[in-house]
Amino acid sequence: MPDRIGLYLQNTYPIRDSIRYTQHAEARGFEVVFQAESDFARDASVPLAAYAAVTSRIKIGAGVMNIWTRNIATIAATFASLDDLATDRIICGLGTWHDHIIKQVGIRADRPLLALREVTQALRGLFAGERVHLHGQYAHLSNVRLNQRQTDPRRIPIYIAATTSQMMALCGEISDGILLNYMVSPAYTSAAISQLAIGAHKAGRRVEEIDRVQLILCSASRNRDEALNRARRVVAQFIHQQPTLMRANGIHQDLIDSIHQALPQMPTPKQLSDAMQLIPDDVVQSVTAAGTPEECRLKVREYVEAGATCPVLYPIGSDVNFIIDSFAYGYTT
């Protein structure tokens, strides 16, 4: 078992169910829960506040909040408010959203690396209780300070979601932690951490100073075939939608071509079900933790051996508590 384990929630489940999953994860020894900000489906701050209000120990992080649709001062105030609910348990997770979503809402995002650098710089000052003067290409703050009752600096670490090598290197320079996306292999994790180390070295830091969170799609069941097929569906969708990422994770081009031939741009459920059958078990298990609980635990261990410091499970399927229990300390299946 890894020394640390976390839970990742998107918009798959109703918020009230996610609250119960978070409470169960806390009771079973999980360290952290990250809430995604799903495309046009779920804002992160509302469920984060709900989790903060009903827990006492587990850390609570945005996984992640996009920087384009909120003013920097608003981001700071949001996380300061969450810190009031769960002091010293809040993680400020930031990201730059997906290109197609940015275009849909009419936002120009020409220099995401610079924008994240400026936002992070400003937030550090605001969390520290400083008056921030920053006039960059993205950040424009004039004598801004969080008006709050407490005078002590906020201990709110800043984590950044990274998918490109440049973003990984930036994380090494400026972040407290990195969130590495799911649907990748342990070898991909190892290569990503090498990029993180390059950025850390540039800033005079050690990569060991940076928390390395690896999101892992997890489908666990005592019925192995059921677990694999749940994950197989997601793998098929990713091969169809993100062939470059899948190719970078060792998926052979002939399989990618076969999936693209089998699936039109907007596949029906039956077409997707048929295409799934083209994907062998070993491919499914190369980029997910899928199968029996023991197989899932062994796969998660591979990510830790590749350099992840905190594996975070993205559960699929209806029995989220079973997945949580499968990774709880002292649990046996």
C-alpha atoms as a PDB file:
ATOM      1  CA  MET A   1       0.000   0.000   0.000  1.00  0.00           C
ATOM      2  CA  PRO A   2       1.241   3.554  -0.692  1.00  0.00           C
ATOM      3  CA  ASP A   3       1.927   5.732   2.333  1.00  0.00           C
ATOM      4  CA  ARG A   4      -0.487   8.345   0.998  1.00  0.00           C
ATOM      5  CA  ILE A   5      -3.695   7.989  -0.986  1.00  0.00           C
ATOM      6  CA  GLY A   6      -6.327  10.411  -2.240  1.00  0.00           C
ATOM      7  CA  LEU A   7      -9.691  10.591  -3.985  1.00  0.00           C
ATOM      8  CA  TYR A   8     -10.588  12.545  -7.134  1.00  0.00           C
ATOM      9  CA  LEU A   9     -14.176  13.495  -7.924  1.00  0.00           C
ATOM     10  CA  GLN A  10     -15.602  15.017 -11.091  1.00  0.00           C
ATOM     11  CA  ASN A  11     -19.276  15.551 -11.860  1.00  0.00           C
ATOM     12  CA  THR A  12     -20.156  11.873 -12.276  1.00  0.00           C
ATOM     13  CA  TYR A  13     -21.970  11.646  -8.960  1.00  0.00           C
ATOM     14  CA  PRO A  14     -24.493  13.990  -7.319  1.00  0.00           C
ATOM     15  CA  ILE A  15     -22.832  16.408  -4.911  1.00  0.00           C
ATOM     16  CA  ARG A  16     -24.622  14.868  -1.930  1.00  0.00           C
ATOM     17  CA  ASP A  17     -23.166  11.470  -2.858  1.00  0.00           C
ATOM     18  CA  SER A  18     -19.713  13.018  -3.276  1.00  0.00           C
ATOM     19  CA  ILE A  19     -20.018  14.494   0.213  1.00  0.00           C
ATOM     20  CA  ARG A  20     -20.641  11.003   1.594  1.00  0.00           C
ATOM     21  CA  TYR A  21     -17.728   9.568  -0.391  1.00  0.00           C
ATOM     22  CA  THR A  22     -15.459  12.270   1.017  1.00  0.00           C
ATOM     23  CA  GLN A  23     -16.565  11.493   4.555  1.00  0.00           C
ATOM     24  CA  HIS A  24     -16.001   7.787   3.959  1.00  0.00           C
ATOM     25  CA  ALA A  25     -12.551   8.454   2.495  1.00  0.00           C
ATOM     26  CA  GLU A  26     -11.653  10.482   5.583  1.00  0.00           C
ATOM     27  CA  ALA A  27     -12.869   7.712   7.872  1.00  0.00           C
ATOM     28  CA  ARG A  28     -10.801   5.158   5.942  1.00  0.00           C
ATOM     29  CA  GLY A  29      -7.548   7.104   6.233  1.00  0.00           C
ATOM     30  CA  PHE A  30      -7.363   8.902   2.881  1.00  0.00           C
ATOM     31  CA  GLU A  31      -5.203  12.018   2.977  1.00  0.00           C
ATOM     32  CA  VAL A  32      -6.857  14.251   0.401  1.00  0.00           C
ATOM     33  CA  VAL A  33      -9.847  14.707  -1.887  1.00  0.00           C
ATOM     34  CA  PHE A  34      -9.560  16.742  -5.086  1.00  0.00           C
ATOM     35  CA  GLN A  35     -12.667  18.118  -6.781  1.00  0.00           C
ATOM     36  CA  ALA A  36     -12.537  18.702 -10.521  1.00  0.00           C
ATOM     37  CA  GLU A  37     -14.068  21.686 -12.211  1.00  0.00           C
ATOM     38  CA  SER A  38     -15.833  19.854 -15.031  1.00  0.00           C
ATOM     39  CA  ASP A  39     -16.531  21.546 -18.357  1.00  0.00           C
ATOM     40  CA  PHE A  40     -19.793  23.520 -18.030  1.00  0.00           C
ATOM     41  CA  ALA A  41     -20.998  20.992 -15.458  1.00  0.00           C
ATOM     42  CA  ARG A  42     -19.631  21.653 -11.999  1.00  0.00           C
ATOM     43  CA  ASP A  43     -17.873  24.557 -10.348  1.00  0.00           C
ATOM     44  CA  ALA A  44     -15.230  23.385  -7.879  1.00  0.00           C
ATOM     45  CA  SER A  45     -15.836  25.862  -5.053  1.00  0.00           C
ATOM     46  CA  VAL A  46     -19.353  24.696  -4.097  1.00  0.00           C
ATOM     47  CA  PRO A  47     -18.518  21.024  -3.450  1.00  0.00           C
ATOM     48  CA  LEU A  48     -15.196  22.013  -1.865  1.00  0.00           C
ATOM     49  CA  ALA A  49     -17.094  24.115   0.674  1.00  0.00           C
ATOM     50  CA  ALA A  50     -19.459  21.226   1.316  1.00  0.00           C
ATOM     51  CA  TYR A  51     -16.582  18.813   1.932  1.00  0.00           C
ATOM     52  CA  ALA A  52     -14.848  21.320   4.197  1.00  0.00           C
ATOM     53  CA  ALA A  53     -17.957  21.791   6.310  1.00  0.00           C
ATOM     54  CA  VAL A  54     -18.524  18.100   7.069  1.00  0.00           C
ATOM     55  CA  THR A  55     -14.952  16.837   7.601  1.00  0.00           C
ATOM     56  CA  SER A  56     -12.256  17.503  10.174  1.00  0.00           C
ATOM     57  CA  ARG A  57      -9.002  15.960   8.961  1.00  0.00           C
ATOM     58  CA  ILE A  58      -8.862  15.218   5.247  1.00  0.00           C
ATOM     59  CA  LYS A  59      -7.218  17.797   2.960  1.00  0.00           C
ATOM     60  CA  ILE A  60      -9.451  19.366   0.331  1.00  0.00           C
ATOM     61  CA  GLY A  61      -8.185  20.627  -2.992  1.00  0.00           C
ATOM     62  CA  ALA A  62      -9.385  22.039  -6.284  1.00  0.00           C
ATOM     63  CA  GLY A  63      -8.341  19.702  -9.014  1.00  0.00           C
ATOM     64  CA  VAL A  64      -8.325  22.170 -10.668  1.00  0.00           C
ATOM     65  CA  MET A  65      -9.845  25.653 -10.856  1.00  0.00           C
ATOM     66  CA  ASN A  66      -9.277  27.411 -14.172  1.00  0.00           C
ATOM     67  CA  ILE A  67      -7.528  30.791 -14.075  1.00  0.00           C
ATOM     68  CA  TRP A  68      -9.233  32.385 -17.086  1.00  0.00           C
ATOM     69  CA  THR A  69     -12.767  33.020 -15.850  1.00  0.00           C
ATOM     70  CA  ARG A  70     -11.964  34.491 -12.424  1.00  0.00           C
ATOM     71  CA  ASN A  71     -10.082  37.552 -11.300  1.00  0.00           C
ATOM     72  CA  ILE A  72      -6.988  36.753  -9.238  1.00  0.00           C
ATOM     73  CA  ALA A  73      -8.398  38.545  -6.193  1.00  0.00           C
ATOM     74  CA  THR A  74     -11.563  36.452  -6.500  1.00  0.00           C
ATOM     75  CA  ILE A  75      -9.531  33.242  -6.601  1.00  0.00           C
ATOM     76  CA  ALA A  76      -7.654  34.355  -3.493  1.00  0.00           C
ATOM     77  CA  ALA A  77     -10.856  35.256  -1.648  1.00  0.00           C
ATOM     78  CA  THR A  78     -12.437  31.912  -2.595  1.00  0.00           C
ATOM     79  CA  PHE A  79      -9.582  29.898  -1.153  1.00  0.00           C
ATOM     80  CA  ALA A  80      -9.306  32.145   1.901  1.00  0.00           C
ATOM     81  CA  SER A  81     -13.003  31.510   2.555  1.00  0.00           C
ATOM     82  CA  LEU A  82     -12.467  27.768   2.200  1.00  0.00           C
ATOM     83  CA  ASP A  83      -9.527  28.049   4.590  1.00  0.00           C
ATOM     84  CA  ASP A  84     -11.887  29.618   7.128  1.00  0.00           C
ATOM     85  CA  LEU A  85     -13.996  26.455   6.891  1.00  0.00           C
ATOM     86  CA  ALA A  86     -11.079  24.001   6.976  1.00  0.00           C
ATOM     87  CA  THR A  87      -8.019  25.842   8.232  1.00  0.00           C
ATOM     88  CA  ASP A  88      -4.700  24.471   6.938  1.00  0.00           C
ATOM     89  CA  ARG A  89      -6.502  21.759   4.962  1.00  0.00           C
ATOM     90  CA  ILE A  90      -7.135  23.610   1.703  1.00  0.00           C
ATOM     91  CA  ILE A  91      -5.113  23.170  -1.509  1.00  0.00           C
ATOM     92  CA  CYS A  92      -5.338  25.798  -4.246  1.00  0.00           C
ATOM     93  CA  GLY A  93      -5.246  23.788  -7.462  1.00  0.00           C
ATOM     94  CA  LEU A  94      -4.921  25.810 -10.663  1.00  0.00           C
ATOM     95  CA  GLY A  95      -5.067  25.004 -14.351  1.00  0.00           C
ATOM     96  CA  THR A  96      -5.482  26.598 -17.752  1.00  0.00           C
ATOM     97  CA  TRP A  97      -8.558  24.689 -18.983  1.00  0.00           C
ATOM     98  CA  HIS A  98      -8.893  23.004 -22.366  1.00  0.00           C
ATOM     99  CA  ASP A  99      -8.321  24.907 -25.611  1.00  0.00           C
ATOM    100  CA  HIS A 100     -11.716  24.059 -27.107  1.00  0.00           C
ATOM    101  CA  ILE A 101     -13.524  25.221 -23.958  1.00  0.00           C
ATOM    102  CA  ILE A 102     -11.591  28.488 -23.874  1.00  0.00           C
ATOM    103  CA  LYS A 103     -12.598  29.203 -27.472  1.00  0.00           C
ATOM    104  CA  GLN A 104     -16.252  28.379 -26.778  1.00  0.00           C
ATOM    105  CA  VAL A 105     -16.488  31.071 -24.103  1.00  0.00           C
ATOM    106  CA  GLY A 106     -14.598  33.686 -26.098  1.00  0.00           C
ATOM    107  CA  ILE A 107     -11.417  33.883 -24.009  1.00  0.00           C
ATOM    108  CA  ARG A 108      -7.988  34.586 -25.472  1.00  0.00           C
ATOM    109  CA  ALA A 109      -5.385  32.485 -23.738  1.00  0.00           C
ATOM    110  CA  ASP A 110      -2.262  33.272 -25.702  1.00  0.00           C
ATOM    111  CA  ARG A 111       0.386  32.700 -23.029  1.00  0.00           C
ATOM    112  CA  PRO A 112      -0.832  30.187 -20.431  1.00  0.00           C
ATOM    113  CA  LEU A 113       2.607  29.641 -18.894  1.00  0.00           C
ATOM    114  CA  LEU A 114       3.094  33.354 -18.253  1.00  0.00           C
ATOM    115  CA  ALA A 115      -0.460  33.680 -16.970  1.00  0.00           C
ATOM    116  CA  LEU A 116       0.040  30.850 -14.461  1.00  0.00           C
ATOM    117  CA  ARG A 117       3.355  32.327 -13.353  1.00  0.00           C
ATOM    118  CA  GLU A 118       1.780  35.727 -12.692  1.00  0.00           C
ATOM    119  CA  VAL A 119      -1.310  34.285 -11.003  1.00  0.00           C
ATOM    120  CA  THR A 120       0.817  32.124  -8.727  1.00  0.00           C
ATOM    121  CA  GLN A 121       3.042  35.059  -7.802  1.00  0.00           C
ATOM    122  CA  ALA A 122       0.041  37.225  -6.957  1.00  0.00           C
ATOM    123  CA  LEU A 123      -1.727  34.524  -4.955  1.00  0.00           C
ATOM    124  CA  ARG A 124       1.348  33.855  -2.838  1.00  0.00           C
ATOM    125  CA  GLY A 125       1.435  37.505  -1.858  1.00  0.00           C
ATOM    126  CA  LEU A 126      -2.288  37.649  -1.136  1.00  0.00           C
ATOM    127  CA  PHE A 127      -2.249  34.451   0.929  1.00  0.00           C
ATOM    128  CA  ALA A 128       0.681  35.918   2.891  1.00  0.00           C
ATOM    129  CA  GLY A 129      -1.414  38.966   3.802  1.00  0.00           C
ATOM    130  CA  GLU A 130       0.659  41.339   1.695  1.00  0.00           C
ATOM    131  CA  ARG A 131      -0.481  44.291  -0.366  1.00  0.00           C
ATOM    132  CA  VAL A 132       0.132  43.160  -3.909  1.00  0.00           C
ATOM    133  CA  HIS A 133       1.222  45.435  -6.727  1.00  0.00           C
ATOM    134  CA  LEU A 134       1.633  43.475  -9.933  1.00  0.00           C
ATOM    135  CA  HIS A 135       1.267  44.728 -13.476  1.00  0.00           C
ATOM    136  CA  GLY A 136       2.145  41.947 -15.848  1.00  0.00           C
ATOM    137  CA  GLN A 137       0.709  40.853 -19.160  1.00  0.00           C
ATOM    138  CA  TYR A 138      -2.067  38.913 -17.450  1.00  0.00           C
ATOM    139  CA  ALA A 139      -2.145  40.016 -13.809  1.00  0.00           C
ATOM    140  CA  HIS A 140      -3.086  43.608 -12.975  1.00  0.00           C
ATOM    141  CA  LEU A 141      -3.307  44.319  -9.248  1.00  0.00           C
ATOM    142  CA  SER A 142      -2.888  47.725  -7.620  1.00  0.00           C
ATOM    143  CA  ASN A 143      -2.506  47.767  -3.838  1.00  0.00           C
ATOM    144  CA  VAL A 144      -4.713  44.688  -3.407  1.00  0.00           C
ATOM    145  CA  ARG A 145      -4.884  42.954  -0.046  1.00  0.00           C
ATOM    146  CA  LEU A 146      -7.279  40.374   1.314  1.00  0.00           C
ATOM    147  CA  ASN A 147      -9.481  42.119   3.845  1.00  0.00           C
ATOM    148  CA  GLN A 148      -9.748  39.491   6.538  1.00  0.00           C
ATOM    149  CA  ARG A 149     -10.037  39.336  10.292  1.00  0.00           C
ATOM    150  CA  GLN A 150      -7.077  37.082  10.801  1.00  0.00           C
ATOM    151  CA  THR A 151      -3.605  38.594  10.506  1.00  0.00           C
ATOM    152  CA  ASP A 152      -1.543  35.404  10.165  1.00  0.00           C
ATOM    153  CA  PRO A 153      -0.532  34.299   6.660  1.00  0.00           C
ATOM    154  CA  ARG A 154      -2.715  31.656   5.086  1.00  0.00           C
ATOM    155  CA  ARG A 155      -1.005  28.298   4.697  1.00  0.00           C
ATOM    156  CA  ILE A 156      -2.575  27.427   1.348  1.00  0.00           C
ATOM    157  CA  PRO A 157      -0.253  25.495  -0.982  1.00  0.00           C
ATOM    158  CA  ILE A 158      -0.548  26.050  -4.716  1.00  0.00           C
ATOM    159  CA  TYR A 159      -0.664  23.013  -7.008  1.00  0.00           C
ATOM    160  CA  ILE A 160      -0.689  23.233 -10.801  1.00  0.00           C
ATOM    161  CA  ALA A 161      -2.142  20.767 -13.303  1.00  0.00           C
ATOM    162  CA  ALA A 162       0.352  19.980 -16.046  1.00  0.00           C
ATOM    163  CA  THR A 163       0.129  18.012 -19.280  1.00  0.00           C
ATOM    164  CA  THR A 164       2.899  19.570 -21.404  1.00  0.00           C
ATOM    165  CA  SER A 165       6.624  19.382 -20.723  1.00  0.00           C
ATOM    166  CA  GLN A 166       6.807  23.188 -20.477  1.00  0.00           C
ATOM    167  CA  MET A 167       4.051  23.265 -17.875  1.00  0.00           C
ATOM    168  CA  MET A 168       5.729  20.466 -15.915  1.00  0.00           C
ATOM    169  CA  ALA A 169       8.966  22.440 -15.867  1.00  0.00           C
ATOM    170  CA  LEU A 170       7.086  25.557 -14.726  1.00  0.00           C
ATOM    171  CA  CYS A 171       5.602  23.536 -11.859  1.00  0.00           C
ATOM    172  CA  GLY A 172       9.121  22.631 -10.845  1.00  0.00           C
ATOM    173  CA  GLU A 173       9.962  26.328 -10.650  1.00  0.00           C
ATOM    174  CA  ILE A 174       6.981  27.827  -8.867  1.00  0.00           C
ATOM    175  CA  SER A 175       4.495  25.329  -7.429  1.00  0.00           C
ATOM    176  CA  ASP A 176       4.137  23.445  -4.178  1.00  0.00           C
ATOM    177  CA  GLY A 177       2.739  20.478  -6.048  1.00  0.00           C
ATOM    178  CA  ILE A 178       1.902  19.136  -9.474  1.00  0.00           C
ATOM    179  CA  LEU A 179      -1.246  17.307 -10.562  1.00  0.00           C
ATOM    180  CA  LEU A 180      -0.496  14.802 -13.314  1.00  0.00           C
ATOM    181  CA  ASN A 181      -3.477  13.760 -15.390  1.00  0.00           C
ATOM    182  CA  TYR A 182      -5.023  10.300 -15.419  1.00  0.00           C
ATOM    183  CA  MET A 183      -4.998   7.861 -18.370  1.00  0.00           C
ATOM    184  CA  VAL A 184      -1.206   7.712 -18.483  1.00  0.00           C
ATOM    185  CA  SER A 185       1.321   4.943 -17.862  1.00  0.00           C
ATOM    186  CA  PRO A 186       3.871   4.825 -15.030  1.00  0.00           C
ATOM    187  CA  ALA A 187       6.589   5.370 -17.657  1.00  0.00           C
ATOM    188  CA  TYR A 188       4.852   8.617 -18.648  1.00  0.00           C
ATOM    189  CA  THR A 189       4.787   9.626 -14.970  1.00  0.00           C
ATOM    190  CA  SER A 190       8.519   9.038 -14.691  1.00  0.00           C
ATOM    191  CA  ALA A 191       9.219  11.149 -17.790  1.00  0.00           C
ATOM    192  CA  ALA A 192       6.959  13.931 -16.471  1.00  0.00           C
ATOM    193  CA  ILE A 193       8.822  14.041 -13.188  1.00  0.00           C
ATOM    194  CA  SER A 194      12.095  14.385 -15.099  1.00  0.00           C
ATOM    195  CA  GLN A 195      10.672  17.555 -16.663  1.00  0.00           C
ATOM    196  CA  LEU A 196       9.551  18.701 -13.224  1.00  0.00           C
ATOM    197  CA  ALA A 197      13.105  18.225 -11.983  1.00  0.00           C
ATOM    198  CA  ILE A 198      14.465  20.414 -14.781  1.00  0.00           C
ATOM    199  CA  GLY A 199      12.271  23.297 -13.650  1.00  0.00           C
ATOM    200  CA  ALA A 200      13.127  22.712 -10.015  1.00  0.00           C
ATOM    201  CA  HIS A 201      16.836  22.810 -10.761  1.00  0.00           C
ATOM    202  CA  LYS A 202      16.390  26.071 -12.682  1.00  0.00           C
ATOM    203  CA  ALA A 203      14.845  27.648  -9.569  1.00  0.00           C
ATOM    204  CA  GLY A 204      17.478  26.223  -7.221  1.00  0.00           C
ATOM    205  CA  ARG A 205      15.048  23.696  -5.769  1.00  0.00           C
ATOM    206  CA  ARG A 206      15.020  19.936  -5.416  1.00  0.00           C
ATOM    207  CA  VAL A 207      12.269  17.891  -7.022  1.00  0.00           C
ATOM    208  CA  GLU A 208      11.749  16.256  -3.618  1.00  0.00           C
ATOM    209  CA  GLU A 209      10.363  19.584  -2.375  1.00  0.00           C
ATOM    210  CA  ILE A 210       7.398  19.307  -4.757  1.00  0.00           C
ATOM    211  CA  ASP A 211       4.382  17.105  -4.026  1.00  0.00           C
ATOM    212  CA  ARG A 212       3.821  14.886  -7.056  1.00  0.00           C
ATOM    213  CA  VAL A 213       0.141  13.993  -7.279  1.00  0.00           C
ATOM    214  CA  GLN A 214      -0.757  11.385  -9.872  1.00  0.00           C
ATOM    215  CA  LEU A 215      -4.415  11.054 -10.794  1.00  0.00           C
ATOM    216  CA  ILE A 216      -5.251   7.424 -11.619  1.00  0.00           C
ATOM    217  CA  LEU A 217      -8.444   6.164 -13.218  1.00  0.00           C
ATOM    218  CA  CYS A 218      -9.516   3.268 -10.993  1.00  0.00           C
ATOM    219  CA  SER A 219     -12.062   0.552 -11.723  1.00  0.00           C
ATOM    220  CA  ALA A 220     -12.022  -2.166  -9.056  1.00  0.00           C
ATOM    221  CA  SER A 221     -14.399  -5.062  -8.580  1.00  0.00           C
ATOM    222  CA  ARG A 222     -14.340  -8.647  -7.412  1.00  0.00           C
ATOM    223  CA  ASN A 223     -15.722  -9.309 -10.888  1.00  0.00           C
ATOM    224  CA  ARG A 224     -12.565  -8.713 -12.913  1.00  0.00           C
ATOM    225  CA  ASP A 225     -14.258  -8.609 -16.319  1.00  0.00           C
ATOM    226  CA  GLU A 226     -16.769  -6.044 -15.090  1.00  0.00           C
ATOM    227  CA  ALA A 227     -13.999  -3.800 -13.776  1.00  0.00           C
ATOM    228  CA  LEU A 228     -11.945  -4.082 -16.960  1.00  0.00           C
ATOM    229  CA  ASN A 229     -14.911  -3.339 -19.206  1.00  0.00           C
ATOM    230  CA  ARG A 230     -15.783  -0.189 -17.272  1.00  0.00           C
ATOM    231  CA  ALA A 231     -12.246   1.059 -17.790  1.00  0.00           C
ATOM    232  CA  ARG A 232     -12.106  -0.245 -21.374  1.00  0.00           C
ATOM    233  CA  ARG A 233     -14.941   2.092 -22.355  1.00  0.00           C
ATOM    234  CA  VAL A 234     -13.006   5.123 -21.082  1.00  0.00           C
ATOM    235  CA  VAL A 235      -9.800   3.965 -22.788  1.00  0.00           C
ATOM    236  CA  ALA A 236     -11.684   3.665 -26.087  1.00  0.00           C
ATOM    237  CA  GLN A 237     -13.003   7.202 -25.680  1.00  0.00           C
ATOM    238  CA  PHE A 238      -9.537   8.553 -24.929  1.00  0.00           C
ATOM    239  CA  ILE A 239      -7.984   6.775 -27.920  1.00  0.00           C
ATOM    240  CA  HIS A 240     -10.704   8.314 -30.076  1.00  0.00           C
ATOM    241  CA  GLN A 241     -10.459  11.817 -28.602  1.00  0.00           C
ATOM    242  CA  GLN A 242      -6.784  12.099 -27.621  1.00  0.00           C
ATOM    243  CA  PRO A 243      -4.701   9.883 -29.918  1.00  0.00           C
ATOM    244  CA  THR A 244      -1.539  11.924 -29.351  1.00  0.00           C
ATOM    245  CA  LEU A 245      -1.684  11.377 -25.595  1.00  0.00           C
ATOM    246  CA  MET A 246      -2.385   7.680 -26.070  1.00  0.00           C
ATOM    247  CA  ARG A 247       0.492   7.348 -28.521  1.00  0.00           C
ATOM    248  CA  ALA A 248       2.778   9.001 -25.966  1.00  0.00           C
ATOM    249  CA  ASN A 249       1.706   6.325 -23.498  1.00  0.00           C
ATOM    250  CA  GLY A 250       2.707   3.393 -25.644  1.00  0.00           C
ATOM    251  CA  ILE A 251      -0.586   2.667 -27.426  1.00  0.00           C
ATOM    252  CA  HIS A 252       0.317   1.260 -30.850  1.00  0.00           C
ATOM    253  CA  GLN A 253      -0.684   3.202 -33.925  1.00  0.00           C
ATOM    254  CA  ASP A 254      -2.479   0.228 -35.460  1.00  0.00           C
ATOM    255  CA  LEU A 255      -4.863   0.093 -32.478  1.00  0.00           C
ATOM    256  CA  ILE A 256      -5.409   3.860 -32.642  1.00  0.00           C
ATOM    257  CA  ASP A 257      -6.211   3.536 -36.355  1.00  0.00           C
ATOM    258  CA  SER A 258      -8.606   0.659 -35.701  1.00  0.00           C
ATOM    259  CA  ILE A 259     -10.495   2.659 -33.071  1.00  0.00           C
ATOM    260  CA  HIS A 260     -10.743   5.670 -35.380  1.00  0.00           C
ATOM    261  CA  GLN A 261     -12.076   3.500 -38.190  1.00  0.00           C
ATOM    262  CA  ALA A 262     -14.660   1.975 -35.857  1.00  0.00           C
ATOM    263  CA  LEU A 263     -15.866   5.250 -34.345  1.00  0.00           C
ATOM    264  CA  PRO A 264     -17.357   8.253 -36.157  1.00  0.00           C
ATOM    265  CA  GLN A 265     -17.002  11.750 -34.744  1.00  0.00           C
ATOM    266  CA  MET A 266     -20.137  11.322 -32.610  1.00  0.00           C
ATOM    267  CA  PRO A 267     -20.368   7.573 -31.914  1.00  0.00           C
ATOM    268  CA  THR A 268     -23.529   5.868 -30.730  1.00  0.00           C
ATOM    269  CA  PRO A 269     -23.435   3.763 -27.544  1.00  0.00           C
ATOM    270  CA  LYS A 270     -23.450   0.590 -29.668  1.00  0.00           C
ATOM    271  CA  GLN A 271     -20.560   1.800 -31.836  1.00  0.00           C
ATOM    272  CA  LEU A 272     -18.568   2.585 -28.721  1.00  0.00           C
ATOM    273  CA  SER A 273     -19.442  -0.791 -27.223  1.00  0.00           C
ATOM    274  CA  ASP A 274     -18.273  -2.551 -30.395  1.00  0.00           C
ATOM    275  CA  ALA A 275     -15.040  -0.527 -30.541  1.00  0.00           C
ATOM    276  CA  MET A 276     -14.246  -1.405 -26.932  1.00  0.00           C
ATOM    277  CA  GLN A 277     -13.838  -5.036 -27.910  1.00  0.00           C
ATOM    278  CA  LEU A 278     -10.789  -4.110 -30.003  1.00  0.00           C
ATOM    279  CA  ILE A 279      -8.836  -3.104 -26.890  1.00  0.00           C
ATOM    280  CA  PRO A 280      -7.022  -5.955 -25.098  1.00  0.00           C
ATOM    281  CA  ASP A 281      -6.831  -6.197 -21.309  1.00  0.00           C
ATOM    282  CA  ASP A 282      -3.131  -5.369 -21.161  1.00  0.00           C
ATOM    283  CA  VAL A 283      -3.730  -2.040 -22.936  1.00  0.00           C
ATOM    284  CA  VAL A 284      -6.509  -1.168 -20.496  1.00  0.00           C
ATOM    285  CA  GLN A 285      -4.264  -1.982 -17.552  1.00  0.00           C
ATOM    286  CA  SER A 286      -1.314  -0.066 -19.000  1.00  0.00           C
ATOM    287  CA  VAL A 287      -2.976   3.322 -18.397  1.00  0.00           C
ATOM    288  CA  THR A 288      -5.489   2.567 -15.623  1.00  0.00           C
ATOM    289  CA  ALA A 289      -5.747   0.711 -12.342  1.00  0.00           C
ATOM    290  CA  ALA A 290      -8.405  -1.783 -13.396  1.00  0.00           C
ATOM    291  CA  GLY A 291      -9.305  -5.301 -12.329  1.00  0.00           C
ATOM    292  CA  THR A 292      -9.471  -6.938  -8.943  1.00  0.00           C
ATOM    293  CA  PRO A 293      -8.599  -4.850  -5.863  1.00  0.00           C
ATOM    294  CA  GLU A 294      -5.223  -6.588  -5.663  1.00  0.00           C
ATOM    295  CA  GLU A 295      -4.452  -5.768  -9.314  1.00  0.00           C
ATOM    296  CA  CYS A 296      -5.438  -2.148  -8.715  1.00  0.00           C
ATOM    297  CA  ARG A 297      -3.232  -1.850  -5.651  1.00  0.00           C
ATOM    298  CA  LEU A 298      -0.274  -3.303  -7.554  1.00  0.00           C
ATOM    299  CA  LYS A 299      -0.824  -0.860 -10.419  1.00  0.00           C
ATOM    300  CA  VAL A 300      -0.967   2.114  -8.079  1.00  0.00           C
ATOM    301  CA  ARG A 301       2.304   0.945  -6.557  1.00  0.00           C
ATOM    302  CA  GLU A 302       3.869   1.219 -10.049  1.00  0.00           C
ATOM    303  CA  TYR A 303       3.046   4.930 -10.167  1.00  0.00           C
ATOM    304  CA  VAL A 304       4.616   5.429  -6.754  1.00  0.00           C
ATOM    305  CA  GLU A 305       7.743   3.593  -7.898  1.00  0.00           C
ATOM    306  CA  ALA A 306       7.790   5.903 -10.953  1.00  0.00           C
ATOM    307  CA  GLY A 307       8.030   8.919  -8.632  1.00  0.00           C
ATOM    308  CA  ALA A 308       4.494   9.890  -7.633  1.00  0.00           C
ATOM    309  CA  THR A 309       4.320  10.925  -3.976  1.00  0.00           C
ATOM    310  CA  CYS A 310       0.530  10.856  -3.683  1.00  0.00           C
ATOM    311  CA  PRO A 311      -1.591   8.626  -5.930  1.00  0.00           C
ATOM    312  CA  VAL A 312      -5.147   9.957  -6.206  1.00  0.00           C
ATOM    313  CA  LEU A 313      -7.878   7.598  -7.370  1.00  0.00           C
ATOM    314  CA  TYR A 314     -10.469   8.665  -9.929  1.00  0.00           C
ATOM    315  CA  PRO A 315     -13.189   6.056  -9.352  1.00  0.00           C
ATOM    316  CA  ILE A 316     -15.512   4.882 -12.088  1.00  0.00           C
ATOM    317  CA  GLY A 317     -18.540   2.734 -11.411  1.00  0.00           C
ATOM    318  CA  SER A 318     -21.321   2.968  -8.878  1.00  0.00           C
ATOM    319  CA  ASP A 319     -19.555   1.463  -5.850  1.00  0.00           C
ATOM    320  CA  VAL A 320     -17.121   4.225  -4.948  1.00  0.00           C
ATOM    321  CA  ASN A 321     -16.973   3.070  -1.325  1.00  0.00           C
ATOM    322  CA  PHE A 322     -15.719  -0.339  -2.476  1.00  0.00           C
ATOM    323  CA  ILE A 323     -12.790   1.359  -4.226  1.00  0.00           C
ATOM    324  CA  ILE A 324     -12.091   3.489  -1.156  1.00  0.00           C
ATOM    325  CA  ASP A 325     -12.204   0.427   1.073  1.00  0.00           C
ATOM    326  CA  SER A 326      -9.912  -1.468  -1.293  1.00  0.00           C
ATOM    327  CA  PHE A 327      -7.186   1.082  -0.539  1.00  0.00           C
ATOM    328  CA  ALA A 328      -7.951   1.698   3.126  1.00  0.00           C
ATOM    329  CA  TYR A 329      -5.280   0.744   5.609  1.00  0.00           C
ATOM    330  CA  GLY A 330      -5.814  -2.702   7.071  1.00  0.00           C
ATOM    331  CA  TYR A 331      -8.549  -3.580   4.611  1.00  0.00           C
ATOM    332  CA  THR A 332      -8.635  -7.084   3.099  1.00  0.00           C
ATOM    333  CA  THR A 333     -10.770  -8.227   0.189  1.00  0.00           C
END
